[in-house]
N, C-alpha and C. Protein backbone atom coordinates (compact mmCIF):
# COMPACT_ATOMS: atom_id res chain seq x y z
N UNK A 1 0.81 -1.18 -0.10
CA UNK A 1 -0.10 0.09 -0.10
C UNK A 1 1.10 1.26 -0.18
N UNK A 2 1.89 1.31 0.72
CA UNK A 2 2.63 2.38 1.03
C UNK A 2 3.49 2.58 -0.18
N UNK A 3 3.79 1.55 -1.23
CA UNK A 3 4.69 1.36 -2.32
C UNK A 3 3.58 2.34 -3.58
N UNK A 4 2.54 1.57 -3.49
CA UNK A 4 1.69 2.33 -4.36
C UNK A 4 1.36 3.82 -4.07
N UNK A 5 1.21 4.27 -3.02
CA UNK A 5 1.52 5.63 -2.70
C UNK A 5 2.60 6.48 -2.95
N UNK A 6 3.38 5.74 -2.54
CA UNK A 6 5.15 6.53 -3.32
C UNK A 6 4.90 6.24 -5.04
N UNK A 7 4.54 5.35 -5.41
CA UNK A 7 4.44 5.07 -7.03
C UNK A 7 3.58 6.42 -7.69
N UNK A 8 2.66 6.57 -6.91
CA UNK A 8 1.58 7.50 -7.52
C UNK A 8 1.78 8.73 -7.37
N UNK A 9 2.48 9.05 -6.19
CA UNK A 9 3.16 10.50 -5.80
C UNK A 9 4.36 10.72 -6.86
N UNK A 10 5.34 9.65 -7.17
CA UNK A 10 5.85 9.69 -8.36
C UNK A 10 5.63 10.05 -9.40
N UNK A 11 4.39 9.65 -9.90
CA UNK A 11 3.92 9.81 -11.00
C UNK A 11 3.49 11.06 -11.06
N UNK A 12 2.74 11.63 -10.29
CA UNK A 12 2.10 12.66 -10.36
C UNK A 12 3.15 14.16 -10.09
N UNK A 13 4.18 13.68 -9.38
CA UNK A 13 5.44 14.96 -9.41
C UNK A 13 6.10 14.97 -10.71
N UNK A 14 6.24 13.52 -11.54
CA UNK A 14 6.89 13.60 -12.69
C UNK A 14 5.85 14.32 -13.78
N UNK A 15 4.75 14.00 -13.65
CA UNK A 15 3.64 14.98 -14.67
C UNK A 15 3.78 16.11 -14.57
N UNK A 16 3.76 16.61 -13.24
CA UNK A 16 4.05 17.99 -13.00
C UNK A 16 5.51 18.78 -13.39
N UNK A 17 6.66 18.05 -13.43
CA UNK A 17 7.56 18.65 -14.09
C UNK A 17 7.55 18.61 -15.51
N UNK A 18 6.91 17.52 -16.08
CA UNK A 18 6.73 17.65 -17.70
C UNK A 18 5.78 18.86 -18.12
N UNK A 19 4.82 19.22 -17.42
CA UNK A 19 3.97 20.13 -17.40
C UNK A 19 4.78 21.52 -17.43
N UNK A 20 5.69 22.02 -16.26
CA UNK A 20 6.48 22.84 -16.21
C UNK A 20 7.45 23.01 -17.48
N UNK A 21 8.05 22.08 -17.66
CA UNK A 21 9.09 21.94 -18.89
C UNK A 21 8.19 22.25 -20.23
N UNK A 22 6.99 21.87 -20.57
CA UNK A 22 6.67 22.71 -21.84
C UNK A 22 6.02 23.91 -21.68
N UNK A 23 5.78 24.19 -20.56
CA UNK A 23 5.54 25.74 -20.26
C UNK A 23 6.63 26.40 -20.63
N UNK A 24 7.81 26.00 -20.26
CA UNK A 24 9.22 26.76 -20.39
C UNK A 24 9.46 26.53 -21.95
N UNK A 25 9.20 25.60 -22.28
CA UNK A 25 9.77 25.60 -23.72
C UNK A 25 9.07 26.62 -24.65
N UNK A 26 7.65 26.47 -24.36
CA UNK A 26 6.69 27.45 -25.20
C UNK A 26 7.09 28.66 -24.83
N UNK A 27 7.62 29.34 -23.65
CA UNK A 27 7.87 30.76 -23.44
C UNK A 27 8.99 30.59 -24.23
N UNK A 28 9.85 30.09 -24.59
CA UNK A 28 11.18 30.27 -24.77
C UNK A 28 11.26 29.93 -26.28
N UNK A 29 10.34 29.14 -26.81
CA UNK A 29 10.23 28.98 -28.41
C UNK A 29 11.04 27.87 -28.65
N UNK A 30 11.08 26.91 -27.29
CA UNK A 30 12.04 25.64 -27.76
C UNK A 30 11.23 24.80 -28.61
N UNK A 31 9.94 24.83 -28.30
CA UNK A 31 9.32 23.54 -29.59
C UNK A 31 9.80 23.61 -30.87
N UNK A 32 9.68 24.83 -31.35
CA UNK A 32 9.89 25.01 -33.05
C UNK A 32 11.42 24.42 -33.37
N UNK A 33 12.53 24.81 -32.02
CA UNK A 33 13.67 24.83 -32.57
C UNK A 33 13.79 22.94 -32.38
N UNK A 34 13.23 22.50 -31.37
CA UNK A 34 13.34 20.88 -31.15
C UNK A 34 12.61 20.13 -32.20
N UNK A 35 11.76 20.95 -32.87
CA UNK A 35 10.94 20.04 -33.89
C UNK A 35 12.02 19.78 -35.04
N UNK A 36 12.87 21.08 -35.33
CA UNK A 36 13.82 21.54 -36.17
C UNK A 36 15.06 20.44 -36.20
N UNK A 37 15.25 20.32 -35.09
CA UNK A 37 16.57 19.55 -34.87
C UNK A 37 16.32 18.10 -34.49
N UNK A 38 14.83 17.43 -34.13
CA UNK A 38 14.56 16.31 -34.32
C UNK A 38 14.08 16.03 -35.69
N UNK A 39 13.86 16.49 -36.66
CA UNK A 39 13.40 16.55 -38.10
C UNK A 39 14.94 15.99 -38.64
N UNK A 40 16.11 16.99 -38.34
CA UNK A 40 16.88 16.89 -38.87
C UNK A 40 17.82 15.55 -38.49
N UNK A 41 17.95 15.21 -37.24
CA UNK A 41 18.51 14.18 -36.57
C UNK A 41 17.62 12.91 -37.07
N UNK A 42 16.56 12.94 -37.33
CA UNK A 42 15.62 11.84 -37.88
C UNK A 42 16.08 11.33 -39.13
N UNK A 43 16.41 12.71 -40.05
CA UNK A 43 16.88 12.13 -41.34
C UNK A 43 17.98 11.82 -41.23
N UNK A 44 19.09 12.10 -40.70
CA UNK A 44 20.33 11.52 -40.37
C UNK A 44 20.19 10.02 -40.00
N UNK A 45 19.31 9.77 -38.87
CA UNK A 45 19.54 8.63 -38.51
C UNK A 45 19.06 7.53 -39.27
N UNK A 46 18.17 7.92 -40.25
CA UNK A 46 17.38 7.22 -41.39
C UNK A 46 18.80 7.07 -42.44
N UNK A 47 19.44 8.14 -42.73
CA UNK A 47 20.45 7.63 -44.02
C UNK A 47 21.53 7.01 -42.91
N UNK A 48 21.89 6.97 -42.06
CA UNK A 48 22.76 6.13 -41.10
C UNK A 48 22.35 4.60 -41.23
N UNK A 49 21.23 4.55 -40.95
CA UNK A 49 20.60 3.19 -40.83
C UNK A 49 20.75 2.48 -42.23
N UNK A 50 20.35 3.33 -43.14
CA UNK A 50 20.51 2.65 -44.89
C UNK A 50 21.83 2.21 -45.11
N UNK A 51 23.00 3.19 -44.49
CA UNK A 51 24.26 2.84 -44.87
C UNK A 51 24.65 1.75 -43.94
N UNK A 52 24.43 1.44 -42.72
CA UNK A 52 24.51 0.26 -41.94
C UNK A 52 24.05 -1.02 -42.84
N UNK A 53 22.71 -0.84 -43.00
CA UNK A 53 22.37 -2.05 -43.72
C UNK A 53 23.15 -2.25 -45.25
N UNK A 54 23.08 -1.40 -45.99
CA UNK A 54 24.30 -1.36 -46.83
C UNK A 54 25.47 -2.49 -46.39
N UNK A 55 26.02 -1.89 -45.52
CA UNK A 55 27.24 -2.00 -45.14
C UNK A 55 27.44 -3.55 -44.85
N UNK A 56 26.21 -3.91 -43.94
CA UNK A 56 26.10 -5.29 -43.22
C UNK A 56 25.86 -6.22 -44.77
N UNK A 57 25.12 -5.92 -45.52
CA UNK A 57 24.76 -6.55 -46.83
C UNK A 57 25.83 -7.03 -47.56
N UNK A 58 27.05 -6.20 -47.76
CA UNK A 58 27.94 -6.01 -48.13
C UNK A 58 29.18 -7.08 -48.14
N UNK A 59 29.06 -6.92 -46.72
CA UNK A 59 29.89 -7.70 -45.57
C UNK A 59 29.34 -9.48 -45.61
N UNK A 60 28.11 -9.49 -45.56
CA UNK A 60 27.56 -10.73 -45.62
C UNK A 60 27.90 -11.40 -46.91
N UNK A 61 27.77 -10.65 -48.16
CA UNK A 61 28.15 -11.01 -49.56
C UNK A 61 29.55 -11.44 -49.36
N UNK A 62 30.71 -10.70 -48.78
CA UNK A 62 32.12 -10.99 -48.79
C UNK A 62 32.36 -12.20 -48.12
N UNK A 63 31.42 -12.42 -46.96
CA UNK A 63 32.01 -13.22 -45.83
C UNK A 63 31.21 -14.69 -46.71
N UNK A 64 30.17 -15.07 -47.33
CA UNK A 64 29.86 -15.88 -48.11
C UNK A 64 30.57 -16.08 -49.32
N UNK A 65 31.28 -15.14 -49.91
CA UNK A 65 32.53 -15.53 -50.70
C UNK A 65 33.49 -16.08 -50.01
N UNK A 66 33.88 -15.56 -48.90
CA UNK A 66 35.31 -16.07 -48.07
C UNK A 66 34.88 -17.45 -47.75
N UNK A 67 33.73 -17.98 -47.41
CA UNK A 67 33.27 -19.07 -46.84
C UNK A 67 33.43 -20.20 -48.06
N UNK A 68 33.11 -19.71 -49.57
CA UNK A 68 33.44 -20.45 -50.33
C UNK A 68 34.86 -21.04 -50.86
N UNK A 69 35.62 -20.02 -50.27
CA UNK A 69 37.39 -20.09 -50.64
C UNK A 69 38.02 -20.87 -49.38
N UNK A 70 37.58 -20.93 -48.06
CA UNK A 70 38.15 -21.31 -47.32
C UNK A 70 37.45 -22.43 -46.63
N UNK A 71 38.30 -23.60 -46.61
CA UNK A 71 37.58 -24.62 -45.65
C UNK A 71 37.75 -24.27 -43.73
N UNK A 72 36.66 -24.27 -43.62
CA UNK A 72 36.68 -24.19 -41.96
C UNK A 72 37.27 -25.30 -41.23
N UNK A 73 37.39 -26.45 -41.59
CA UNK A 73 38.32 -27.55 -41.14
C UNK A 73 39.61 -27.51 -40.97
N UNK A 74 39.93 -26.93 -42.01
CA UNK A 74 41.51 -26.74 -42.46
C UNK A 74 41.85 -25.43 -41.24
N UNK A 75 41.22 -24.39 -41.44
CA UNK A 75 41.43 -23.16 -40.54
C UNK A 75 41.33 -23.86 -38.93
N UNK A 76 40.63 -24.64 -38.77
CA UNK A 76 40.49 -25.22 -37.18
C UNK A 76 41.53 -25.77 -37.18
N UNK A 77 42.06 -26.67 -37.78
CA UNK A 77 43.34 -27.66 -37.69
C UNK A 77 44.60 -26.86 -37.39
N UNK A 78 44.79 -25.84 -38.31
CA UNK A 78 45.93 -24.85 -37.91
C UNK A 78 45.69 -24.32 -37.13
N UNK A 79 44.79 -23.88 -36.45
CA UNK A 79 44.87 -22.85 -35.07
C UNK A 79 44.95 -23.99 -33.89
N UNK A 80 44.90 -25.37 -34.17
CA UNK A 80 45.25 -26.20 -33.09
C UNK A 80 46.28 -26.59 -33.19
N UNK A 81 47.29 -26.29 -34.50
CA UNK A 81 48.64 -26.78 -34.55
C UNK A 81 49.42 -25.57 -34.02
N UNK A 82 49.02 -24.49 -34.37
CA UNK A 82 49.62 -23.17 -33.89
C UNK A 82 49.40 -22.94 -32.31
N UNK A 83 48.56 -23.36 -31.91
CA UNK A 83 48.26 -23.66 -30.39
C UNK A 83 48.70 -24.41 -29.54
N UNK A 84 48.90 -25.31 -30.06
CA UNK A 84 49.89 -26.69 -29.54
C UNK A 84 51.61 -26.25 -29.85
N UNK A 85 51.78 -25.52 -30.59
CA UNK A 85 53.10 -25.43 -31.10
C UNK A 85 54.21 -25.40 -30.09
N UNK A 86 55.52 -26.23 -29.80
CA UNK A 86 56.14 -25.73 -28.68
C UNK A 86 56.77 -24.17 -28.70
N UNK A 87 56.72 -23.82 -29.57
CA UNK A 87 57.45 -22.28 -29.86
C UNK A 87 56.70 -21.43 -29.28
N UNK A 88 55.24 -21.85 -28.92
CA UNK A 88 54.23 -20.76 -28.25
C UNK A 88 54.77 -20.58 -26.86
N UNK A 89 54.79 -19.32 -26.26
CA UNK A 89 54.97 -19.29 -24.92
C UNK A 89 53.94 -19.19 -24.31
N UNK A 90 54.13 -19.90 -23.03
CA UNK A 90 52.67 -20.05 -22.32
C UNK A 90 52.74 -18.86 -21.15
N UNK A 91 51.87 -18.14 -21.12
CA UNK A 91 51.94 -16.98 -20.12
C UNK A 91 51.27 -17.09 -18.89
N UNK A 92 50.21 -18.12 -18.89
CA UNK A 92 49.37 -18.09 -17.70
C UNK A 92 49.62 -19.45 -16.76
N UNK A 93 49.35 -18.96 -15.42
CA UNK A 93 49.31 -19.94 -14.63
C UNK A 93 50.87 -20.24 -14.04
N UNK A 94 51.79 -19.81 -14.24
CA UNK A 94 53.06 -19.94 -13.44
C UNK A 94 53.55 -19.07 -12.42
N UNK A 95 52.80 -17.99 -12.37
CA UNK A 95 52.96 -17.40 -10.97
C UNK A 95 54.36 -16.30 -11.44
N UNK A 96 55.06 -16.84 -12.43
CA UNK A 96 56.21 -15.77 -12.51
C UNK A 96 56.27 -15.20 -13.95
N UNK A 97 56.56 -13.87 -13.87
CA UNK A 97 56.54 -13.33 -15.63
C UNK A 97 57.81 -13.99 -16.19
N UNK A 98 57.19 -14.42 -17.39
CA UNK A 98 57.97 -15.03 -18.45
C UNK A 98 58.32 -13.75 -19.67
N UNK A 99 59.59 -14.10 -19.98
CA UNK A 99 60.01 -13.20 -21.14
C UNK A 99 59.08 -13.17 -22.20
N UNK A 100 58.49 -11.86 -22.65
CA UNK A 100 57.58 -11.66 -23.74
C UNK A 100 56.20 -12.05 -23.29
N UNK A 101 55.90 -12.05 -22.23
CA UNK A 101 54.56 -12.45 -21.59
C UNK A 101 54.05 -10.54 -21.06
N UNK A 102 52.81 -10.53 -21.34
CA UNK A 102 52.52 -8.85 -20.68
C UNK A 102 52.39 -9.55 -19.45
N UNK A 103 53.01 -8.09 -18.52
CA UNK A 103 52.50 -8.24 -17.01
C UNK A 103 51.58 -8.04 -16.54
């Protein structure tokens, strides 16, 4: 019950803040400026979204092309060979800093 009253109070004070903000915006002519800015930003947002969609589509095509050229199993085998290579320095777990390992 107390939670409901506090929630109701929060909502009414929030609505009051919104009303005051709208009155101030009207007083200073900010509504027109906000509308212009919103319009400009919306246009930019649409343009960026279209560009992103084109870029993603292009990357998908490149990935499909690459997928046709690369045998995944071969890549996995090469990664395992490299990871298990005795020339690879082990940096974790020793407690001591080894030469060539990040501190």
